[in-house]
Amino acid sequence: MLDHIGIRVSDYERSKNFYLKALAPLGSRLRFEHPVSGVGFGRNVVPVFWIKVGPPSPGLHVAFAAENRAIVREFHHAALAAGGGDNGPPGLRPEYHANYYGAFVLDPDGHNIEAVCHTAEGLQDEH
């Protein structure tokens, strides 16, 4: 349903570096950078997640799909190593559904960034 999403960040270079590292386990790379539009990340040629300088939006939550639970764990580790704050370690969140496996971090501006896998353990390709 969504084509792309953009968020505003207070420090462009700091956030660009954070997302380069945090999104790498999800297969996302820097795909486009423009002085007005900002920087776009995506798995394919077309960027789907954008950042640009501006006042950060309070309470923003973005969830990225992960192919398996190992990638959720890799995302969490990479995001923390890149300077993110822990906002919920990798694990099942049965309050959403029985196979909801997610991890949450706070980016440099406090945005709640998540990686989530909806597949049952054993039905996934481990990374």
N, C-alpha and C. Protein backbone atom coordinates (compact mmCIF):
# COMPACT_ATOMS: atom_id res chain seq x y z
N MET A 1 0.81 -1.18 0.00
CA MET A 1 0.00 0.00 0.00
C MET A 1 0.86 1.26 0.00
N LEU A 2 1.94 1.30 0.76
CA LEU A 2 2.80 2.48 0.78
C LEU A 2 3.85 2.40 -0.32
N ASP A 3 4.14 3.53 -0.92
CA ASP A 3 5.20 3.61 -1.91
C ASP A 3 6.52 3.99 -1.23
N HIS A 4 6.45 4.98 -0.35
CA HIS A 4 7.62 5.38 0.42
C HIS A 4 7.19 6.21 1.62
N ILE A 5 8.11 6.38 2.56
CA ILE A 5 7.87 7.20 3.74
C ILE A 5 9.10 8.05 3.98
N GLY A 6 8.90 9.26 4.46
CA GLY A 6 10.00 10.15 4.77
C GLY A 6 9.86 10.69 6.18
N ILE A 7 10.99 10.80 6.86
CA ILE A 7 10.99 11.38 8.20
C ILE A 7 12.03 12.49 8.25
N ARG A 8 11.84 13.38 9.19
CA ARG A 8 12.78 14.49 9.39
C ARG A 8 13.69 14.15 10.57
N VAL A 9 14.95 14.55 10.43
CA VAL A 9 15.98 14.27 11.44
C VAL A 9 16.72 15.56 11.77
N SER A 10 17.21 15.65 12.98
CA SER A 10 17.88 16.88 13.41
C SER A 10 19.32 16.97 12.90
N ASP A 11 19.99 15.85 12.73
CA ASP A 11 21.39 15.83 12.29
C ASP A 11 21.50 14.85 11.12
N TYR A 12 21.57 15.38 9.92
CA TYR A 12 21.54 14.58 8.70
C TYR A 12 22.63 13.51 8.67
N GLU A 13 23.88 13.90 8.85
CA GLU A 13 24.98 12.95 8.74
C GLU A 13 24.92 11.87 9.82
N ARG A 14 24.60 12.27 11.04
CA ARG A 14 24.49 11.30 12.13
C ARG A 14 23.40 10.28 11.83
N SER A 15 22.25 10.76 11.39
CA SER A 15 21.14 9.85 11.10
C SER A 15 21.42 9.01 9.85
N LYS A 16 22.04 9.60 8.85
CA LYS A 16 22.40 8.84 7.65
C LYS A 16 23.32 7.67 8.04
N ASN A 17 24.33 7.93 8.86
CA ASN A 17 25.24 6.89 9.31
C ASN A 17 24.52 5.82 10.12
N PHE A 18 23.60 6.25 11.01
CA PHE A 18 22.82 5.31 11.81
C PHE A 18 22.02 4.38 10.91
N TYR A 19 21.28 4.93 9.96
CA TYR A 19 20.42 4.10 9.10
C TYR A 19 21.22 3.24 8.13
N LEU A 20 22.38 3.72 7.67
CA LEU A 20 23.23 2.87 6.83
C LEU A 20 23.57 1.57 7.56
N LYS A 21 23.91 1.68 8.84
CA LYS A 21 24.30 0.51 9.63
C LYS A 21 23.11 -0.29 10.13
N ALA A 22 22.08 0.40 10.63
CA ALA A 22 20.93 -0.30 11.22
C ALA A 22 20.11 -1.05 10.19
N LEU A 23 19.99 -0.52 8.98
CA LEU A 23 19.16 -1.16 7.96
C LEU A 23 19.91 -2.19 7.11
N ALA A 24 21.22 -2.25 7.23
CA ALA A 24 22.00 -3.20 6.43
C ALA A 24 21.57 -4.65 6.63
N PRO A 25 21.32 -5.12 7.87
CA PRO A 25 20.88 -6.51 8.02
C PRO A 25 19.55 -6.81 7.32
N LEU A 26 18.76 -5.78 7.08
CA LEU A 26 17.47 -5.96 6.40
C LEU A 26 17.62 -5.92 4.88
N GLY A 27 18.85 -5.79 4.40
CA GLY A 27 19.09 -5.76 2.97
C GLY A 27 18.87 -4.38 2.34
N SER A 28 18.73 -3.37 3.17
CA SER A 28 18.49 -2.02 2.69
C SER A 28 19.80 -1.26 2.54
N ARG A 29 19.90 -0.53 1.46
CA ARG A 29 21.11 0.25 1.16
C ARG A 29 20.72 1.67 0.79
N LEU A 30 21.69 2.58 0.82
CA LEU A 30 21.47 3.93 0.34
C LEU A 30 21.27 3.84 -1.18
N ARG A 31 20.15 4.34 -1.65
CA ARG A 31 19.82 4.23 -3.08
C ARG A 31 19.84 5.55 -3.81
N PHE A 32 19.65 6.66 -3.08
CA PHE A 32 19.60 7.96 -3.74
C PHE A 32 19.85 9.04 -2.70
N GLU A 33 20.62 10.04 -3.08
CA GLU A 33 20.85 11.18 -2.20
C GLU A 33 20.71 12.45 -3.01
N HIS A 34 19.96 13.40 -2.45
CA HIS A 34 19.64 14.64 -3.15
C HIS A 34 19.71 15.78 -2.14
N PRO A 35 20.26 16.94 -2.52
CA PRO A 35 20.40 18.03 -1.54
C PRO A 35 19.07 18.57 -0.99
N VAL A 36 17.99 18.42 -1.71
CA VAL A 36 16.69 18.89 -1.23
C VAL A 36 15.87 17.74 -0.64
N SER A 37 15.81 16.61 -1.33
CA SER A 37 14.98 15.47 -0.91
C SER A 37 15.58 14.69 0.24
N GLY A 38 16.88 14.72 0.42
CA GLY A 38 17.54 13.96 1.47
C GLY A 38 18.12 12.67 0.93
N VAL A 39 18.15 11.65 1.78
CA VAL A 39 18.72 10.36 1.40
C VAL A 39 17.63 9.29 1.47
N GLY A 40 17.62 8.44 0.44
CA GLY A 40 16.63 7.37 0.36
C GLY A 40 17.28 6.01 0.45
N PHE A 41 16.68 5.12 1.24
CA PHE A 41 17.15 3.76 1.43
C PHE A 41 16.13 2.78 0.88
N GLY A 42 16.61 1.63 0.41
CA GLY A 42 15.71 0.59 -0.06
C GLY A 42 16.44 -0.69 -0.36
N ARG A 43 15.67 -1.76 -0.52
CA ARG A 43 16.24 -3.06 -0.88
C ARG A 43 16.54 -3.13 -2.37
N ASN A 44 15.71 -2.48 -3.14
CA ASN A 44 15.87 -2.48 -4.60
C ASN A 44 16.32 -1.10 -5.05
N VAL A 45 16.25 -0.84 -6.32
CA VAL A 45 16.71 0.43 -6.88
C VAL A 45 15.90 1.61 -6.35
N VAL A 46 14.61 1.42 -6.13
CA VAL A 46 13.73 2.51 -5.70
C VAL A 46 13.80 2.68 -4.18
N PRO A 47 14.15 3.88 -3.70
CA PRO A 47 14.17 4.10 -2.26
C PRO A 47 12.75 4.15 -1.69
N VAL A 48 12.58 3.55 -0.53
CA VAL A 48 11.25 3.54 0.10
C VAL A 48 11.26 4.22 1.46
N PHE A 49 12.43 4.46 2.04
CA PHE A 49 12.55 5.13 3.33
C PHE A 49 13.50 6.30 3.18
N TRP A 50 13.01 7.49 3.47
CA TRP A 50 13.78 8.72 3.27
C TRP A 50 13.99 9.46 4.59
N ILE A 51 15.16 10.12 4.70
CA ILE A 51 15.38 11.06 5.79
C ILE A 51 15.84 12.38 5.21
N LYS A 52 15.44 13.47 5.86
CA LYS A 52 15.94 14.79 5.50
C LYS A 52 15.92 15.66 6.74
N VAL A 53 16.68 16.74 6.73
CA VAL A 53 16.80 17.61 7.89
C VAL A 53 15.51 18.37 8.13
N GLY A 54 15.14 18.46 9.38
CA GLY A 54 13.97 19.22 9.79
C GLY A 54 13.62 18.86 11.22
N PRO A 55 12.62 19.52 11.77
CA PRO A 55 12.22 19.18 13.13
C PRO A 55 11.66 17.76 13.19
N PRO A 56 12.25 16.88 14.02
CA PRO A 56 11.75 15.50 14.11
C PRO A 56 10.30 15.46 14.60
N SER A 57 9.56 14.51 14.07
CA SER A 57 8.17 14.30 14.48
C SER A 57 8.13 13.50 15.77
N PRO A 58 7.43 14.01 16.80
CA PRO A 58 7.35 13.23 18.04
C PRO A 58 6.45 12.01 17.87
N GLY A 59 6.84 10.93 18.54
CA GLY A 59 6.00 9.73 18.54
C GLY A 59 6.01 8.93 17.26
N LEU A 60 6.96 9.16 16.37
CA LEU A 60 7.01 8.44 15.10
C LEU A 60 7.46 7.00 15.30
N HIS A 61 6.77 6.06 14.65
CA HIS A 61 7.12 4.64 14.69
C HIS A 61 7.14 4.12 13.26
N VAL A 62 8.26 3.48 12.89
CA VAL A 62 8.40 2.84 11.58
C VAL A 62 8.82 1.40 11.82
N ALA A 63 8.12 0.45 11.19
CA ALA A 63 8.46 -0.97 11.31
C ALA A 63 8.91 -1.50 9.95
N PHE A 64 10.07 -2.12 9.93
CA PHE A 64 10.63 -2.72 8.72
C PHE A 64 10.45 -4.23 8.77
N ALA A 65 10.06 -4.82 7.65
CA ALA A 65 9.85 -6.26 7.56
C ALA A 65 11.19 -6.99 7.50
N ALA A 66 11.29 -8.05 8.29
CA ALA A 66 12.46 -8.92 8.27
C ALA A 66 12.03 -10.31 7.81
N GLU A 67 12.86 -10.97 7.03
CA GLU A 67 12.52 -12.27 6.47
C GLU A 67 12.53 -13.38 7.51
N ASN A 68 13.32 -13.19 8.59
CA ASN A 68 13.37 -14.21 9.63
C ASN A 68 13.79 -13.59 10.95
N ARG A 69 13.72 -14.37 11.99
CA ARG A 69 14.02 -13.86 13.33
C ARG A 69 15.48 -13.53 13.52
N ALA A 70 16.36 -14.25 12.85
CA ALA A 70 17.79 -13.94 12.95
C ALA A 70 18.07 -12.53 12.43
N ILE A 71 17.39 -12.12 11.38
CA ILE A 71 17.59 -10.78 10.84
C ILE A 71 17.07 -9.73 11.82
N VAL A 72 15.98 -10.02 12.52
CA VAL A 72 15.49 -9.10 13.56
C VAL A 72 16.59 -8.90 14.62
N ARG A 73 17.22 -9.99 15.03
CA ARG A 73 18.29 -9.90 16.02
C ARG A 73 19.49 -9.12 15.47
N GLU A 74 19.85 -9.37 14.21
CA GLU A 74 20.96 -8.64 13.58
C GLU A 74 20.66 -7.15 13.50
N PHE A 75 19.43 -6.81 13.12
CA PHE A 75 19.01 -5.40 13.07
C PHE A 75 19.20 -4.74 14.44
N HIS A 76 18.72 -5.39 15.49
CA HIS A 76 18.80 -4.83 16.84
C HIS A 76 20.26 -4.61 17.23
N HIS A 77 21.09 -5.60 17.00
CA HIS A 77 22.52 -5.50 17.31
C HIS A 77 23.17 -4.36 16.51
N ALA A 78 22.92 -4.30 15.20
CA ALA A 78 23.52 -3.27 14.35
C ALA A 78 23.06 -1.87 14.75
N ALA A 79 21.78 -1.73 15.07
CA ALA A 79 21.24 -0.43 15.45
C ALA A 79 21.85 0.06 16.77
N LEU A 80 22.00 -0.85 17.74
CA LEU A 80 22.63 -0.46 19.00
C LEU A 80 24.10 -0.09 18.79
N ALA A 81 24.79 -0.87 17.96
CA ALA A 81 26.20 -0.58 17.66
C ALA A 81 26.36 0.75 16.94
N ALA A 82 25.33 1.17 16.21
CA ALA A 82 25.36 2.43 15.47
C ALA A 82 24.93 3.61 16.34
N GLY A 83 24.66 3.37 17.62
CA GLY A 83 24.31 4.46 18.52
C GLY A 83 22.85 4.56 18.88
N GLY A 84 22.03 3.61 18.43
CA GLY A 84 20.62 3.62 18.78
C GLY A 84 20.40 3.20 20.22
N GLY A 85 19.24 3.53 20.74
CA GLY A 85 18.88 3.14 22.10
C GLY A 85 17.94 1.95 22.09
N ASP A 86 18.13 1.06 23.03
CA ASP A 86 17.26 -0.11 23.12
C ASP A 86 15.86 0.33 23.55
N ASN A 87 14.86 -0.09 22.78
CA ASN A 87 13.47 0.23 23.11
C ASN A 87 12.62 -1.05 23.16
N GLY A 88 13.30 -2.19 23.24
CA GLY A 88 12.62 -3.48 23.31
C GLY A 88 13.46 -4.52 22.59
N PRO A 89 14.07 -5.45 23.32
CA PRO A 89 14.95 -6.44 22.71
C PRO A 89 14.19 -7.40 21.81
N PRO A 90 14.92 -8.12 20.95
CA PRO A 90 14.27 -9.10 20.09
C PRO A 90 13.49 -10.12 20.91
N GLY A 91 12.28 -10.40 20.46
CA GLY A 91 11.47 -11.39 21.15
C GLY A 91 10.06 -11.43 20.61
N LEU A 92 9.35 -12.45 21.07
CA LEU A 92 7.94 -12.59 20.69
C LEU A 92 7.11 -11.51 21.36
N ARG A 93 6.13 -11.03 20.65
CA ARG A 93 5.17 -10.05 21.17
C ARG A 93 3.77 -10.65 20.97
N PRO A 94 3.39 -11.65 21.80
CA PRO A 94 2.13 -12.36 21.60
C PRO A 94 0.90 -11.47 21.76
N GLU A 95 1.07 -10.29 22.33
CA GLU A 95 -0.07 -9.38 22.43
C GLU A 95 -0.53 -8.91 21.05
N TYR A 96 0.34 -9.02 20.03
CA TYR A 96 -0.02 -8.67 18.66
C TYR A 96 -0.54 -9.90 17.91
N HIS A 97 0.23 -10.98 17.93
CA HIS A 97 -0.19 -12.31 17.46
C HIS A 97 0.88 -13.31 17.83
N ALA A 98 0.58 -14.59 17.75
CA ALA A 98 1.44 -15.65 18.28
C ALA A 98 2.85 -15.66 17.68
N ASN A 99 3.01 -15.24 16.41
CA ASN A 99 4.31 -15.31 15.76
C ASN A 99 4.97 -13.94 15.56
N TYR A 100 4.46 -12.90 16.21
CA TYR A 100 5.02 -11.56 16.05
C TYR A 100 6.34 -11.50 16.80
N TYR A 101 7.45 -11.43 16.04
CA TYR A 101 8.79 -11.41 16.62
C TYR A 101 9.42 -10.08 16.21
N GLY A 102 9.62 -9.20 17.16
CA GLY A 102 10.12 -7.87 16.83
C GLY A 102 11.21 -7.40 17.77
N ALA A 103 11.89 -6.35 17.33
CA ALA A 103 12.89 -5.65 18.14
C ALA A 103 12.73 -4.16 17.86
N PHE A 104 12.90 -3.36 18.90
CA PHE A 104 12.67 -1.93 18.82
C PHE A 104 13.91 -1.16 19.26
N VAL A 105 14.24 -0.11 18.52
CA VAL A 105 15.34 0.79 18.89
C VAL A 105 14.87 2.23 18.72
N LEU A 106 15.55 3.12 19.40
CA LEU A 106 15.32 4.55 19.22
C LEU A 106 16.46 5.09 18.38
N ASP A 107 16.12 5.77 17.28
CA ASP A 107 17.16 6.35 16.43
C ASP A 107 17.73 7.60 17.12
N PRO A 108 18.70 8.29 16.52
CA PRO A 108 19.32 9.45 17.18
C PRO A 108 18.33 10.55 17.57
N ASP A 109 17.16 10.62 16.94
CA ASP A 109 16.16 11.63 17.29
C ASP A 109 15.05 11.08 18.16
N GLY A 110 15.15 9.83 18.58
CA GLY A 110 14.14 9.23 19.44
C GLY A 110 12.98 8.59 18.70
N HIS A 111 13.06 8.47 17.36
CA HIS A 111 12.02 7.77 16.61
C HIS A 111 12.07 6.28 16.97
N ASN A 112 10.91 5.67 17.14
CA ASN A 112 10.81 4.25 17.47
C ASN A 112 10.89 3.43 16.18
N ILE A 113 12.03 2.77 15.97
CA ILE A 113 12.29 2.01 14.75
C ILE A 113 12.28 0.52 15.09
N GLU A 114 11.56 -0.25 14.30
CA GLU A 114 11.35 -1.67 14.59
C GLU A 114 11.70 -2.53 13.38
N ALA A 115 12.16 -3.74 13.67
CA ALA A 115 12.23 -4.79 12.66
C ALA A 115 11.32 -5.91 13.17
N VAL A 116 10.52 -6.48 12.26
CA VAL A 116 9.54 -7.48 12.67
C VAL A 116 9.46 -8.62 11.67
N CYS A 117 9.32 -9.84 12.19
CA CYS A 117 9.09 -11.04 11.40
C CYS A 117 7.78 -11.65 11.88
N HIS A 118 6.90 -12.00 10.96
CA HIS A 118 5.59 -12.56 11.31
C HIS A 118 5.52 -14.08 11.11
N THR A 119 6.64 -14.70 10.79
CA THR A 119 6.67 -16.12 10.47
C THR A 119 7.03 -16.95 11.69
N ALA A 120 6.38 -18.08 11.84
CA ALA A 120 6.67 -18.98 12.96
C ALA A 120 8.09 -19.51 12.89
N GLU A 121 8.69 -19.73 14.04
CA GLU A 121 10.02 -20.32 14.12
C GLU A 121 10.02 -21.66 13.39
N GLY A 122 11.06 -21.92 12.63
CA GLY A 122 11.16 -23.18 11.89
C GLY A 122 10.58 -23.10 10.49
N LEU A 123 9.75 -22.09 10.22
CA LEU A 123 9.21 -21.90 8.87
C LEU A 123 9.95 -20.81 8.13
N GLN A 124 11.05 -20.36 8.70
CA GLN A 124 11.81 -19.27 8.11
C GLN A 124 13.15 -19.77 7.62
N ASP A 125 13.72 -19.05 6.73
CA ASP A 125 15.08 -19.33 6.30
C ASP A 125 16.00 -18.58 7.27
N GLU A 126 16.74 -19.30 8.09
CA GLU A 126 17.64 -18.64 9.03
C GLU A 126 18.78 -18.01 8.25
N HIS A 127 19.15 -16.82 8.67
CA HIS A 127 20.19 -16.00 8.00
C HIS A 127 21.54 -16.34 8.60
